[in-house]
Amino acid sequence: MKQRLFLVLLMFLCAVTMFSCQAADTVTFEDENLEQAIREQIDKKNGDLTKSDLENIIALDLANQGIKSLDGIDVIESLEILSVAGNEITDFTILKELENLEEVIVTGNPFSNDSEQLTILEELRSKGIIVIGPKEEVVGSPDGPAGFLWKVENGDTTVYLQGTIHVGKEGLFPLNEKIENAYKEADVVSPEIDIVNFDLFEMQSIMMNMGTYQDGTTIKDHIPEDLYKKLEKKLSELGMPLALMEEYKPWLIAQTIESLLLLQGDFIEGVDEYFLTRAHEDGKEVIPLETPEDQFAIFANTTEEYQIDMLEASLELTAEEYAEQINAMLNIYMDGDQEKLLQLATDDSRDATENDIAFMRALNDDRNYGMAEKIMEFLESGEDKTYFVFVGSLHFILEPHIISILEENGYTVEPLL
């Protein structure tokens, strides 16, 4: 998503309006390739470069230009987005002088083992700047947060299976060293879906097609009046006008409410986003096991009656109660206790209805068979590759789970954590 954002902004912002200047200061760059690349970006191949030539530049794509030094680039005070990927730059200190910098891509430069330069990049990150490129090596500890990890091999192909949790909290990262090492070893990472690199407009379109009424009706036409009033009150408490969601179906409103409640808690990125962000920065291949349509369909294909049940349940939640539930699950996850996690996830005093059974089959069983099939394709590829598959932990412990399906098909799955 970050790389796409860079390219999109570049298309709109890179065209710089040129202004005449009678008494402007001349600007020079020590590195001839840097100057030439900037000249091409602003379409000024001849004549002196002046500060006024550069003062409106917001984005620069200087990738693969043979640049060795960035000295002088701090004169472009307006610069927000910069790519210097694939050059020969060994010193990025000057980037700290760019006060408006928001994103920089530095992959492919010869400094991956230079601790001083890695520290500079971490300083930029600490300021909130998106830095796509090498990070200081992440090293987990033997007694770090456990999570869950298994390994399965076939010939030269190795697949690590890592159970995740979709939200996090302080103290969760880095994970146990066995998990961190499995990620480092991997050539390919394989999540449920790629929540980091996706087309936002396409995702919105899918969600609207599957989660909104297309016949001119609104949520008010589909739920009881008393429930509608509760919904209106709840959304008002969460600072979200109901008018913005009148066309949403009950399942999508329920998911939105839970998301709003989650935002009120002191949570950070989950394990999925943690590894996906690193995978894109590290240049690893990403092969999702599912599509956004697959996941939306789990909710969209339920009956309207069941969707209303989802909505009612979400309206009963408070931010405090929801945070307690999430924290309880996080603590169990960090302890690596499969039995407790399974008990927490399945602890429901209600007798399961037909709708409950159908929903759980779609949420767990059907998806586990589908994901296991993709994993078996990796194992049967005959390639000398290592895959790091990371999906929600319940997919590895709630029967019929991915591990049992692999074992039924003749594979030996070794528990590592």
Protein backbone atom coordinates (compact mmCIF):
# COMPACT_ATOMS: atom_id res chain seq x y z
CA MET A 1 0.00 0.00 0.00
CA LYS A 2 2.86 2.35 0.83
CA GLN A 3 4.56 1.75 -2.51
CA ARG A 4 1.27 2.24 -4.35
CA LEU A 5 0.67 5.46 -2.41
CA PHE A 6 4.09 6.69 -3.45
CA LEU A 7 3.41 6.01 -7.13
CA VAL A 8 -0.07 7.54 -7.07
CA LEU A 9 1.12 10.71 -5.40
CA LEU A 10 4.05 10.82 -7.75
CA MET A 11 1.78 10.84 -10.79
CA PHE A 12 -0.20 13.77 -9.45
CA LEU A 13 2.51 15.75 -7.73
CA CYS A 14 5.68 15.26 -9.72
CA ALA A 15 4.77 17.72 -12.44
CA VAL A 16 6.34 20.95 -11.19
CA THR A 17 5.26 24.36 -12.40
CA MET A 18 8.26 26.38 -13.44
CA PHE A 19 8.51 30.00 -12.43
CA SER A 20 10.89 32.64 -13.78
CA CYS A 21 13.14 34.25 -11.22
CA GLN A 22 15.24 37.32 -11.85
CA ALA A 23 17.59 37.17 -8.84
CA ALA A 24 17.34 33.58 -7.64
CA ASP A 25 20.08 31.65 -5.87
CA THR A 26 21.81 29.07 -8.02
CA VAL A 27 21.69 25.48 -6.74
CA THR A 28 24.33 22.85 -7.45
CA PHE A 29 24.66 19.22 -6.45
CA GLU A 30 27.90 17.39 -5.77
CA ASP A 31 26.64 14.24 -7.48
CA GLU A 32 26.16 14.80 -11.22
CA ASN A 33 23.73 11.87 -11.49
CA LEU A 34 21.60 13.37 -8.71
CA GLU A 35 21.46 16.72 -10.48
CA GLN A 36 20.68 15.12 -13.83
CA ALA A 37 17.87 13.01 -12.34
CA ILE A 38 16.32 16.08 -10.70
CA ARG A 39 16.60 18.05 -13.94
CA GLU A 40 14.72 15.28 -15.76
CA GLN A 41 12.03 15.25 -13.09
CA ILE A 42 11.38 18.98 -13.41
CA ASP A 43 12.02 19.01 -17.16
CA LYS A 44 14.88 21.54 -17.07
CA LYS A 45 17.81 19.99 -18.89
CA ASN A 46 19.85 23.16 -19.41
CA GLY A 47 20.64 26.40 -17.61
CA ASP A 48 21.24 27.11 -13.95
CA LEU A 49 19.09 25.41 -11.35
CA THR A 50 17.62 27.89 -8.90
CA LYS A 51 15.81 27.56 -5.59
CA SER A 52 12.61 28.68 -7.27
CA ASP A 53 12.95 25.75 -9.70
CA LEU A 54 12.82 23.38 -6.73
CA GLU A 55 10.64 25.09 -4.15
CA ASN A 56 7.36 23.42 -5.19
CA ILE A 57 8.62 19.84 -5.56
CA ILE A 58 6.63 17.50 -3.33
CA ALA A 59 7.61 14.12 -4.79
CA LEU A 60 10.74 12.84 -6.55
CA ASP A 61 11.43 9.48 -8.16
CA LEU A 62 15.22 9.15 -8.36
CA ALA A 63 15.35 5.35 -8.48
CA ASN A 64 18.08 3.51 -10.42
CA GLN A 65 20.05 6.60 -11.47
CA GLY A 66 23.54 5.62 -10.29
CA ILE A 67 23.44 8.24 -7.52
CA LYS A 68 26.19 7.97 -4.89
CA SER A 69 25.54 11.09 -2.79
CA LEU A 70 22.41 12.98 -1.72
CA ASP A 71 24.35 16.06 -0.62
CA GLY A 72 22.36 19.20 -1.43
CA ILE A 73 18.93 17.56 -1.59
CA ASP A 74 17.97 19.33 1.65
CA VAL A 75 17.53 22.50 -0.43
CA ILE A 76 14.22 20.99 -1.59
CA GLU A 77 12.44 21.92 1.64
CA SER A 78 8.96 21.05 0.33
CA LEU A 79 9.89 17.41 -0.44
CA GLU A 80 7.44 14.93 1.09
CA ILE A 81 7.90 11.72 -0.90
CA LEU A 82 11.21 10.43 -2.22
CA SER A 83 12.41 7.25 -3.91
CA VAL A 84 16.14 6.66 -4.20
CA ALA A 85 15.87 2.89 -4.59
CA GLY A 86 18.49 1.00 -6.58
CA ASN A 87 21.29 3.55 -6.33
CA GLU A 88 24.78 3.48 -4.77
CA ILE A 89 24.07 5.70 -1.77
CA THR A 90 25.91 4.85 1.45
CA ASP A 91 24.95 7.85 3.62
CA PHE A 92 21.39 8.95 4.36
CA THR A 93 22.16 11.42 7.13
CA ILE A 94 20.97 14.37 5.07
CA LEU A 95 17.42 13.01 4.98
CA LYS A 96 17.08 14.13 8.59
CA GLU A 97 17.22 17.71 7.31
CA LEU A 98 14.07 17.32 5.22
CA GLU A 99 11.47 18.55 7.69
CA ASN A 100 8.47 17.79 5.46
CA LEU A 101 9.55 14.29 4.47
CA GLU A 102 6.75 11.73 4.91
CA GLU A 103 7.91 8.70 2.94
CA VAL A 104 11.19 7.48 1.48
CA ILE A 105 12.13 4.31 -0.40
CA VAL A 106 15.78 3.31 0.04
CA THR A 107 15.83 -0.35 -0.98
CA GLY A 108 18.65 -1.57 -3.21
CA ASN A 109 21.43 0.66 -1.87
CA PRO A 110 24.71 -0.85 -0.51
CA PHE A 111 24.29 -0.28 3.22
CA SER A 112 22.25 -3.24 4.49
CA ASN A 113 24.95 -4.19 7.02
CA ASP A 114 25.91 -0.64 8.02
CA SER A 115 24.64 -0.27 11.58
CA GLU A 116 25.15 3.52 11.56
CA GLN A 117 22.95 3.96 8.48
CA LEU A 118 20.32 1.53 9.81
CA THR A 119 20.21 3.63 12.96
CA ILE A 120 19.58 6.75 10.85
CA LEU A 121 16.68 5.03 9.12
CA GLU A 122 15.25 4.03 12.50
CA GLU A 123 15.50 7.67 13.61
CA LEU A 124 13.44 8.66 10.58
CA ARG A 125 10.87 5.99 11.43
CA SER A 126 10.69 7.27 15.00
CA LYS A 127 9.61 10.64 13.59
CA GLY A 128 6.66 8.99 11.84
CA ILE A 129 8.32 8.88 8.42
CA ILE A 130 7.53 5.79 6.34
CA VAL A 131 10.87 4.22 5.40
CA ILE A 132 10.71 1.37 2.92
CA GLY A 133 14.01 -0.42 3.12
CA PRO A 134 16.31 -2.35 5.47
CA LYS A 135 15.69 -2.23 9.19
CA GLU A 136 17.85 -3.15 12.10
CA GLU A 137 17.67 -6.92 12.38
CA VAL A 138 14.70 -8.11 14.40
CA VAL A 139 15.84 -10.73 16.89
CA GLY A 140 13.36 -12.54 19.10
CA SER A 141 14.32 -14.16 22.36
CA PRO A 142 13.92 -17.82 23.38
CA ASP A 143 11.36 -16.81 26.00
CA GLY A 144 9.64 -14.22 23.81
CA PRO A 145 5.87 -14.24 23.18
CA ALA A 146 5.10 -17.72 22.00
CA GLY A 147 2.19 -17.67 19.63
CA PHE A 148 2.03 -20.96 17.73
CA LEU A 149 4.38 -22.45 15.14
CA TRP A 150 4.56 -25.71 13.17
CA LYS A 151 6.74 -27.01 10.34
CA VAL A 152 5.98 -29.37 7.45
CA GLU A 153 8.38 -30.49 4.73
CA ASN A 154 8.17 -32.31 1.42
CA GLY A 155 11.40 -32.83 -0.52
CA ASP A 156 13.19 -29.50 -0.82
CA THR A 157 10.08 -27.51 0.13
CA THR A 158 9.56 -26.27 3.68
CA VAL A 159 6.38 -24.64 5.00
CA TYR A 160 6.21 -22.95 8.38
CA LEU A 161 2.70 -22.54 9.80
CA GLN A 162 2.31 -19.63 12.20
CA GLY A 163 -0.87 -18.89 14.12
CA THR A 164 -1.58 -15.17 14.39
CA ILE A 165 -3.79 -12.76 16.27
CA HIS A 166 -5.20 -9.85 14.31
CA VAL A 167 -4.57 -7.11 16.89
CA GLY A 168 -1.62 -6.49 19.17
CA LYS A 169 -0.42 -4.64 22.24
CA GLU A 170 2.83 -3.42 23.73
CA GLY A 171 5.16 -6.28 24.56
CA LEU A 172 3.94 -8.53 21.75
CA PHE A 173 6.82 -7.79 19.37
CA PRO A 174 9.33 -9.08 18.55
CA LEU A 175 7.88 -12.57 18.76
CA ASN A 176 9.63 -15.71 19.93
CA GLU A 177 12.97 -16.26 18.17
CA LYS A 178 11.71 -19.43 16.48
CA ILE A 179 8.94 -17.45 14.79
CA GLU A 180 11.25 -14.56 13.87
CA ASN A 181 13.79 -17.01 12.41
CA ALA A 182 11.09 -18.82 10.41
CA TYR A 183 10.11 -15.50 8.84
CA LYS A 184 13.75 -14.64 8.00
CA GLU A 185 14.28 -18.04 6.41
CA ALA A 186 11.21 -17.71 4.18
CA ASP A 187 11.35 -16.91 0.47
CA VAL A 188 7.57 -16.52 0.32
CA VAL A 189 5.09 -15.27 2.91
CA SER A 190 1.47 -16.35 2.69
CA PRO A 191 -1.23 -14.57 4.75
CA GLU A 192 -5.01 -14.99 4.64
CA ILE A 193 -5.22 -11.81 2.55
CA ASP A 194 -2.71 -9.04 1.93
CA ILE A 195 -4.01 -6.29 4.23
CA VAL A 196 -1.00 -4.06 3.52
CA ASN A 197 -0.80 -3.98 -0.28
CA PHE A 198 -4.28 -3.69 -1.76
CA ASP A 199 -6.28 -1.40 -4.03
CA LEU A 200 -8.33 0.76 -1.66
CA PHE A 201 -10.90 1.70 -4.28
CA GLU A 202 -11.32 -1.91 -5.38
CA MET A 203 -11.73 -2.99 -1.76
CA GLN A 204 -14.37 -0.32 -1.16
CA SER A 205 -16.20 -1.37 -4.31
CA ILE A 206 -16.28 -5.02 -3.20
CA MET A 207 -17.48 -4.08 0.25
CA MET A 208 -20.21 -1.82 -1.09
CA ASN A 209 -21.43 -4.44 -3.56
CA MET A 210 -21.61 -7.13 -0.90
CA GLY A 211 -22.50 -5.07 2.15
CA THR A 212 -25.09 -2.51 1.05
CA TYR A 213 -28.68 -2.62 -0.11
CA GLN A 214 -28.97 -2.22 -3.87
CA ASP A 215 -32.78 -1.98 -4.07
CA GLY A 216 -33.31 1.50 -2.63
CA THR A 217 -34.10 0.27 0.89
CA THR A 218 -32.15 1.20 4.01
CA ILE A 219 -31.34 -0.50 7.30
CA LYS A 220 -34.47 1.05 8.80
CA ASP A 221 -36.59 -1.05 6.43
CA HIS A 222 -34.96 -4.28 7.60
CA ILE A 223 -34.76 -4.14 11.39
CA PRO A 224 -37.30 -3.54 14.18
CA GLU A 225 -37.87 0.05 15.24
CA ASP A 226 -36.52 -0.46 18.77
CA LEU A 227 -33.30 -1.96 17.38
CA TYR A 228 -32.98 0.95 14.97
CA LYS A 229 -33.17 3.39 17.89
CA LYS A 230 -30.51 1.42 19.79
CA LEU A 231 -28.33 1.52 16.68
CA GLU A 232 -28.76 5.24 16.31
CA LYS A 233 -27.82 5.79 19.96
CA LYS A 234 -24.80 3.51 19.80
CA LEU A 235 -23.37 5.14 16.70
CA SER A 236 -23.92 8.58 18.22
CA GLU A 237 -21.91 7.49 21.28
CA LEU A 238 -19.14 6.34 18.94
CA GLY A 239 -19.18 9.63 17.04
CA MET A 240 -20.52 8.10 13.83
CA PRO A 241 -23.74 9.50 12.29
CA LEU A 242 -26.17 6.75 11.28
CA ALA A 243 -26.86 8.68 8.08
CA LEU A 244 -23.45 7.56 6.80
CA MET A 245 -24.47 3.91 7.08
CA GLU A 246 -28.16 3.89 6.22
CA GLU A 247 -27.56 1.67 3.19
CA TYR A 248 -25.30 -0.80 5.05
CA LYS A 249 -26.57 -4.30 5.70
CA PRO A 250 -26.63 -5.49 9.34
CA TRP A 251 -23.42 -7.55 9.05
CA LEU A 252 -21.42 -4.60 7.77
CA ILE A 253 -22.76 -2.28 10.46
CA ALA A 254 -21.88 -4.87 13.12
CA GLN A 255 -18.34 -5.13 11.77
CA THR A 256 -18.05 -1.33 11.69
CA ILE A 257 -19.20 -1.01 15.30
CA GLU A 258 -16.64 -3.57 16.45
CA SER A 259 -13.94 -1.72 14.52
CA LEU A 260 -14.93 1.57 16.18
CA LEU A 261 -14.84 -0.09 19.60
CA LEU A 262 -11.42 -1.52 18.85
CA LEU A 263 -10.09 1.92 17.96
CA GLN A 264 -10.95 3.11 21.46
CA GLY A 265 -8.64 0.51 23.00
CA ASP A 266 -4.89 0.82 23.43
CA PHE A 267 -4.09 -1.68 20.68
CA ILE A 268 -1.46 -1.77 17.95
CA GLU A 269 -0.94 -3.71 14.72
CA GLY A 270 -1.57 -7.44 14.82
CA VAL A 271 0.80 -10.23 13.85
CA ASP A 272 -0.51 -10.34 10.27
CA GLU A 273 0.23 -6.67 9.60
CA TYR A 274 3.55 -6.96 11.46
CA PHE A 275 4.86 -9.61 9.09
CA LEU A 276 3.21 -8.27 5.93
CA THR A 277 4.71 -4.81 6.38
CA ARG A 278 8.15 -6.34 6.83
CA ALA A 279 7.66 -8.70 3.89
CA HIS A 280 6.92 -5.83 1.50
CA GLU A 281 9.85 -3.81 2.83
CA ASP A 282 12.16 -6.84 2.60
CA GLY A 283 11.05 -7.65 -0.95
CA LYS A 284 9.68 -11.10 -0.12
CA GLU A 285 7.10 -12.63 -2.43
CA VAL A 286 3.57 -12.46 -1.00
CA ILE A 287 0.99 -15.11 -1.98
CA PRO A 288 -2.37 -14.67 -0.18
CA LEU A 289 -4.40 -17.81 0.52
CA GLU A 290 -7.74 -16.01 0.11
CA THR A 291 -9.28 -12.96 -1.52
CA PRO A 292 -11.19 -10.08 0.11
CA GLU A 293 -14.33 -11.39 -1.61
CA ASP A 294 -13.83 -14.75 0.12
CA GLN A 295 -13.76 -13.12 3.53
CA PHE A 296 -16.63 -10.68 2.97
CA ALA A 297 -18.77 -13.53 1.63
CA ILE A 298 -18.60 -15.33 4.98
CA PHE A 299 -20.76 -12.57 6.46
CA ALA A 300 -22.65 -11.44 3.37
CA ASN A 301 -23.98 -14.94 2.63
CA THR A 302 -25.61 -15.39 6.03
CA THR A 303 -29.36 -15.01 6.40
CA GLU A 304 -30.78 -11.60 7.24
CA GLU A 305 -32.00 -13.06 10.52
CA TYR A 306 -28.47 -14.06 11.48
CA GLN A 307 -27.06 -10.70 10.39
CA ILE A 308 -29.53 -8.97 12.70
CA ASP A 309 -28.35 -11.24 15.52
CA MET A 310 -24.79 -10.08 14.79
CA LEU A 311 -25.93 -6.47 14.91
CA GLU A 312 -27.76 -6.93 18.21
CA ALA A 313 -24.68 -8.56 19.75
CA SER A 314 -22.44 -5.69 18.64
CA LEU A 315 -24.82 -3.15 20.18
CA GLU A 316 -24.53 -4.86 23.56
CA LEU A 317 -20.73 -4.44 23.62
CA THR A 318 -19.02 -1.56 25.38
CA ALA A 319 -15.52 -0.43 24.57
CA GLU A 320 -14.36 -1.59 28.00
CA GLU A 321 -15.90 -5.05 27.64
CA TYR A 322 -14.53 -5.45 24.13
CA ALA A 323 -11.04 -4.39 25.27
CA GLU A 324 -11.21 -6.94 28.11
CA GLN A 325 -12.10 -9.70 25.64
CA ILE A 326 -9.28 -8.76 23.28
CA ASN A 327 -6.74 -8.48 26.10
CA ALA A 328 -7.74 -11.87 27.46
CA MET A 329 -7.18 -13.40 24.04
CA LEU A 330 -3.85 -11.58 23.63
CA ASN A 331 -2.59 -12.83 26.99
CA ILE A 332 -3.47 -16.42 26.11
CA TYR A 333 -1.84 -16.01 22.70
CA MET A 334 1.38 -14.65 24.20
CA ASP A 335 1.46 -17.61 26.60
CA GLY A 336 1.04 -19.99 23.66
CA ASP A 337 -1.79 -21.86 25.39
CA GLN A 338 -3.77 -23.64 22.66
CA GLU A 339 -6.26 -25.21 25.05
CA LYS A 340 -7.22 -21.93 26.71
CA LEU A 341 -7.47 -20.11 23.38
CA LEU A 342 -9.77 -22.80 22.00
CA GLN A 343 -11.90 -22.69 25.14
CA LEU A 344 -12.16 -18.89 25.04
CA ALA A 345 -13.13 -18.87 21.37
CA THR A 346 -15.78 -21.57 21.67
CA ASP A 347 -17.17 -20.74 25.11
CA ASP A 348 -20.82 -19.96 24.40
CA SER A 349 -23.63 -20.98 26.72
CA ARG A 350 -26.19 -20.94 23.91
CA ASP A 351 -27.23 -24.09 22.11
CA ALA A 352 -25.95 -23.79 18.56
CA THR A 353 -28.67 -23.01 16.04
CA GLU A 354 -28.68 -24.09 12.41
CA ASN A 355 -27.54 -20.59 11.51
CA ASP A 356 -24.68 -20.81 14.03
CA ILE A 357 -23.55 -24.12 12.58
CA ALA A 358 -23.72 -22.83 9.00
CA PHE A 359 -21.77 -19.69 9.92
CA MET A 360 -19.03 -21.62 11.74
CA ARG A 361 -18.75 -24.03 8.83
CA ALA A 362 -18.16 -21.10 6.47
CA LEU A 363 -15.90 -19.24 8.92
CA ASN A 364 -13.71 -22.18 9.88
CA ASP A 365 -14.27 -25.56 8.20
CA ASP A 366 -14.65 -24.52 4.56
CA ARG A 367 -11.82 -22.01 4.76
CA ASN A 368 -9.49 -24.50 6.42
CA TYR A 369 -9.97 -26.99 3.60
CA GLY A 370 -9.39 -24.23 1.05
CA MET A 371 -6.26 -22.92 2.77
CA ALA A 372 -4.90 -26.43 3.33
CA GLU A 373 -5.30 -27.12 -0.38
CA LYS A 374 -3.18 -24.06 -1.23
CA ILE A 375 -0.54 -25.12 1.30
CA MET A 376 -0.42 -28.59 -0.26
CA GLU A 377 0.16 -26.93 -3.64
CA PHE A 378 3.22 -25.22 -2.11
CA LEU A 379 4.44 -28.55 -0.73
CA GLU A 380 3.95 -30.35 -4.05
CA SER A 381 5.60 -27.61 -6.15
CA GLY A 382 8.95 -29.39 -6.06
CA GLU A 383 10.69 -26.04 -5.54
CA ASP A 384 13.61 -25.46 -3.23
CA LYS A 385 11.72 -22.77 -1.34
CA THR A 386 10.63 -21.95 2.17
CA TYR A 387 7.13 -20.64 2.81
CA PHE A 388 5.96 -18.76 5.89
CA VAL A 389 2.19 -19.20 6.17
CA PHE A 390 0.51 -17.07 8.83
CA VAL A 391 -3.23 -17.13 9.49
CA GLY A 392 -5.53 -16.76 12.49
CA SER A 393 -4.56 -19.22 15.24
CA LEU A 394 -7.96 -20.93 15.38
CA HIS A 395 -7.42 -22.22 11.85
CA PHE A 396 -4.70 -24.44 13.33
CA ILE A 397 -6.53 -25.61 16.47
CA LEU A 398 -10.31 -25.68 15.80
CA GLU A 399 -11.30 -28.92 14.07
CA PRO A 400 -11.32 -29.59 11.22
CA HIS A 401 -8.15 -27.47 11.25
CA ILE A 402 -5.39 -27.02 8.70
CA ILE A 403 -2.95 -29.29 10.54
CA SER A 404 -5.35 -32.21 10.80
CA ILE A 405 -6.27 -31.82 7.12
CA LEU A 406 -2.58 -31.90 6.14
CA GLU A 407 -2.04 -34.97 8.31
CA GLU A 408 -5.05 -36.70 6.73
CA ASN A 409 -3.32 -36.16 3.40
CA GLY A 410 -0.15 -37.88 4.53
CA TYR A 411 1.99 -34.95 5.67
CA THR A 412 3.90 -34.94 8.95
CA VAL A 413 3.44 -31.67 10.81
CA GLU A 414 6.04 -30.91 13.49
CA PRO A 415 5.11 -28.58 16.37
CA LEU A 416 7.86 -26.04 17.11
CA LEU A 417 6.06 -23.90 19.70
